[in-house]
């Protein structure tokens, strides 16, 4: 059983690496562009909503909304970095 779970974990990790690499390659190949200003507005709206959720007592919802804003922030930074490196 232990060998099977190790095999499953190894396969999942390998698949994660492959899936992680695919969007970067397809983004370069297809020339995807990012609207940084729009992403920044979305981040601001998400952070405002998280603050509102905190004030209303929905702390887990606020945490999820902040996580979404953080993910969008990272994606926006990747777009900025990609533009700087091209």
C-alpha atoms as a PDB file:
ATOM      1  CA  UNK A   1       0.000   0.000   0.000  1.00  0.00           C
ATOM      2  CA  UNK A   2       2.834   2.377   0.806  1.00  0.00           C
ATOM      3  CA  UNK A   3       4.433   1.830  -2.589  1.00  0.00           C
ATOM      4  CA  UNK A   4       1.110   2.634  -4.272  1.00  0.00           C
ATOM      5  CA  UNK A   5       0.669   5.903  -2.391  1.00  0.00           C
ATOM      6  CA  UNK A   6       4.255   6.926  -3.172  1.00  0.00           C
ATOM      7  CA  UNK A   7       3.601   6.202  -6.831  1.00  0.00           C
ATOM      8  CA  UNK A   8       0.393   8.255  -6.745  1.00  0.00           C
ATOM      9  CA  UNK A   9       2.130  11.196  -5.038  1.00  0.00           C
ATOM     10  CA  UNK A  10       5.014  11.044  -7.518  1.00  0.00           C
ATOM     11  CA  UNK A  11       2.607  10.978 -10.461  1.00  0.00           C
ATOM     12  CA  UNK A  12       0.622  13.893  -9.038  1.00  0.00           C
ATOM     13  CA  UNK A  13       3.771  15.928  -8.504  1.00  0.00           C
ATOM     14  CA  UNK A  14       4.930  15.189 -12.040  1.00  0.00           C
ATOM     15  CA  UNK A  15       1.526  16.157 -13.425  1.00  0.00           C
ATOM     16  CA  UNK A  16       1.634  19.378 -11.420  1.00  0.00           C
ATOM     17  CA  UNK A  17       4.966  20.281 -12.940  1.00  0.00           C
ATOM     18  CA  UNK A  18       3.645  19.546 -16.422  1.00  0.00           C
ATOM     19  CA  UNK A  19       0.439  21.533 -15.853  1.00  0.00           C
ATOM     20  CA  UNK A  20       2.398  24.391 -14.321  1.00  0.00           C
ATOM     21  CA  UNK A  21       4.684  24.534 -17.345  1.00  0.00           C
ATOM     22  CA  UNK A  22       1.906  24.374 -19.943  1.00  0.00           C
ATOM     23  CA  UNK A  23       0.255  27.769 -19.362  1.00  0.00           C
ATOM     24  CA  UNK A  24       3.593  29.563 -19.592  1.00  0.00           C
ATOM     25  CA  UNK A  25       4.382  27.892 -22.888  1.00  0.00           C
ATOM     26  CA  UNK A  26       0.929  28.484 -24.314  1.00  0.00           C
ATOM     27  CA  UNK A  27       0.969  32.086 -23.115  1.00  0.00           C
ATOM     28  CA  UNK A  28       4.203  32.693 -24.987  1.00  0.00           C
ATOM     29  CA  UNK A  29       3.004  30.841 -28.066  1.00  0.00           C
ATOM     30  CA  UNK A  30      -0.392  32.514 -28.311  1.00  0.00           C
ATOM     31  CA  UNK A  31       0.659  35.999 -27.204  1.00  0.00           C
ATOM     32  CA  UNK A  32      -1.805  36.406 -24.332  1.00  0.00           C
ATOM     33  CA  UNK A  33      -1.983  39.965 -23.073  1.00  0.00           C
ATOM     34  CA  UNK A  34      -2.969  41.153 -19.612  1.00  0.00           C
ATOM     35  CA  UNK A  35      -4.969  44.239 -18.787  1.00  0.00           C
ATOM     36  CA  UNK A  36      -3.001  45.346 -15.718  1.00  0.00           C
ATOM     37  CA  UNK A  37      -5.267  48.321 -14.975  1.00  0.00           C
ATOM     38  CA  UNK A  38      -8.364  46.106 -14.974  1.00  0.00           C
ATOM     39  CA  UNK A  39      -6.632  43.506 -12.811  1.00  0.00           C
ATOM     40  CA  UNK A  40      -5.640  46.231 -10.354  1.00  0.00           C
ATOM     41  CA  UNK A  41      -9.278  47.396 -10.138  1.00  0.00           C
ATOM     42  CA  UNK A  42     -10.430  43.816  -9.513  1.00  0.00           C
ATOM     43  CA  UNK A  43      -7.855  43.434  -6.740  1.00  0.00           C
ATOM     44  CA  UNK A  44      -9.070  46.659  -5.123  1.00  0.00           C
ATOM     45  CA  UNK A  45     -12.708  45.513  -5.328  1.00  0.00           C
ATOM     46  CA  UNK A  46     -11.827  42.124  -3.831  1.00  0.00           C
ATOM     47  CA  UNK A  47      -9.889  43.698  -0.949  1.00  0.00           C
ATOM     48  CA  UNK A  48     -12.784  46.105  -0.275  1.00  0.00           C
ATOM     49  CA  UNK A  49     -15.217  43.178  -0.259  1.00  0.00           C
ATOM     50  CA  UNK A  50     -12.937  41.260   2.132  1.00  0.00           C
ATOM     51  CA  UNK A  51     -12.864  44.238   4.499  1.00  0.00           C
ATOM     52  CA  UNK A  52     -16.657  44.449   4.337  1.00  0.00           C
ATOM     53  CA  UNK A  53     -16.946  40.727   5.075  1.00  0.00           C
ATOM     54  CA  UNK A  54     -14.635  41.143   8.064  1.00  0.00           C
ATOM     55  CA  UNK A  55     -16.755  43.984   9.424  1.00  0.00           C
ATOM     56  CA  UNK A  56     -19.907  41.901   9.046  1.00  0.00           C
ATOM     57  CA  UNK A  57     -18.324  38.980  10.903  1.00  0.00           C
ATOM     58  CA  UNK A  58     -17.731  36.646   7.946  1.00  0.00           C
ATOM     59  CA  UNK A  59     -14.061  36.074   8.699  1.00  0.00           C
ATOM     60  CA  UNK A  60     -13.657  32.854   6.692  1.00  0.00           C
ATOM     61  CA  UNK A  61     -15.289  34.499   3.658  1.00  0.00           C
ATOM     62  CA  UNK A  62     -12.948  37.460   4.080  1.00  0.00           C
ATOM     63  CA  UNK A  63      -9.970  35.112   4.221  1.00  0.00           C
ATOM     64  CA  UNK A  64     -11.105  33.400   0.996  1.00  0.00           C
ATOM     65  CA  UNK A  65     -11.667  36.730  -0.740  1.00  0.00           C
ATOM     66  CA  UNK A  66      -8.219  37.944   0.318  1.00  0.00           C
ATOM     67  CA  UNK A  67      -6.704  34.712  -1.005  1.00  0.00           C
ATOM     68  CA  UNK A  68      -8.423  35.361  -4.337  1.00  0.00           C
ATOM     69  CA  UNK A  69      -7.075  38.933  -4.358  1.00  0.00           C
ATOM     70  CA  UNK A  70      -3.581  37.673  -3.534  1.00  0.00           C
ATOM     71  CA  UNK A  71      -3.717  35.157  -6.385  1.00  0.00           C
ATOM     72  CA  UNK A  72      -4.827  37.872  -8.797  1.00  0.00           C
ATOM     73  CA  UNK A  73      -2.039  40.116  -7.469  1.00  0.00           C
ATOM     74  CA  UNK A  74       0.526  37.395  -8.246  1.00  0.00           C
ATOM     75  CA  UNK A  75      -0.930  36.895 -11.724  1.00  0.00           C
ATOM     76  CA  UNK A  76      -0.774  40.639 -12.360  1.00  0.00           C
ATOM     77  CA  UNK A  77       2.846  40.723 -11.212  1.00  0.00           C
ATOM     78  CA  UNK A  78       3.658  37.845 -13.572  1.00  0.00           C
ATOM     79  CA  UNK A  79       2.154  39.845 -16.431  1.00  0.00           C
ATOM     80  CA  UNK A  80       4.203  42.909 -15.475  1.00  0.00           C
ATOM     81  CA  UNK A  81       7.379  40.842 -15.187  1.00  0.00           C
ATOM     82  CA  UNK A  82       6.703  39.138 -18.532  1.00  0.00           C
ATOM     83  CA  UNK A  83       6.259  42.535 -20.207  1.00  0.00           C
ATOM     84  CA  UNK A  84       9.510  43.767 -18.654  1.00  0.00           C
ATOM     85  CA  UNK A  85      11.433  40.712 -19.872  1.00  0.00           C
ATOM     86  CA  UNK A  86      10.207  40.820 -23.471  1.00  0.00           C
END
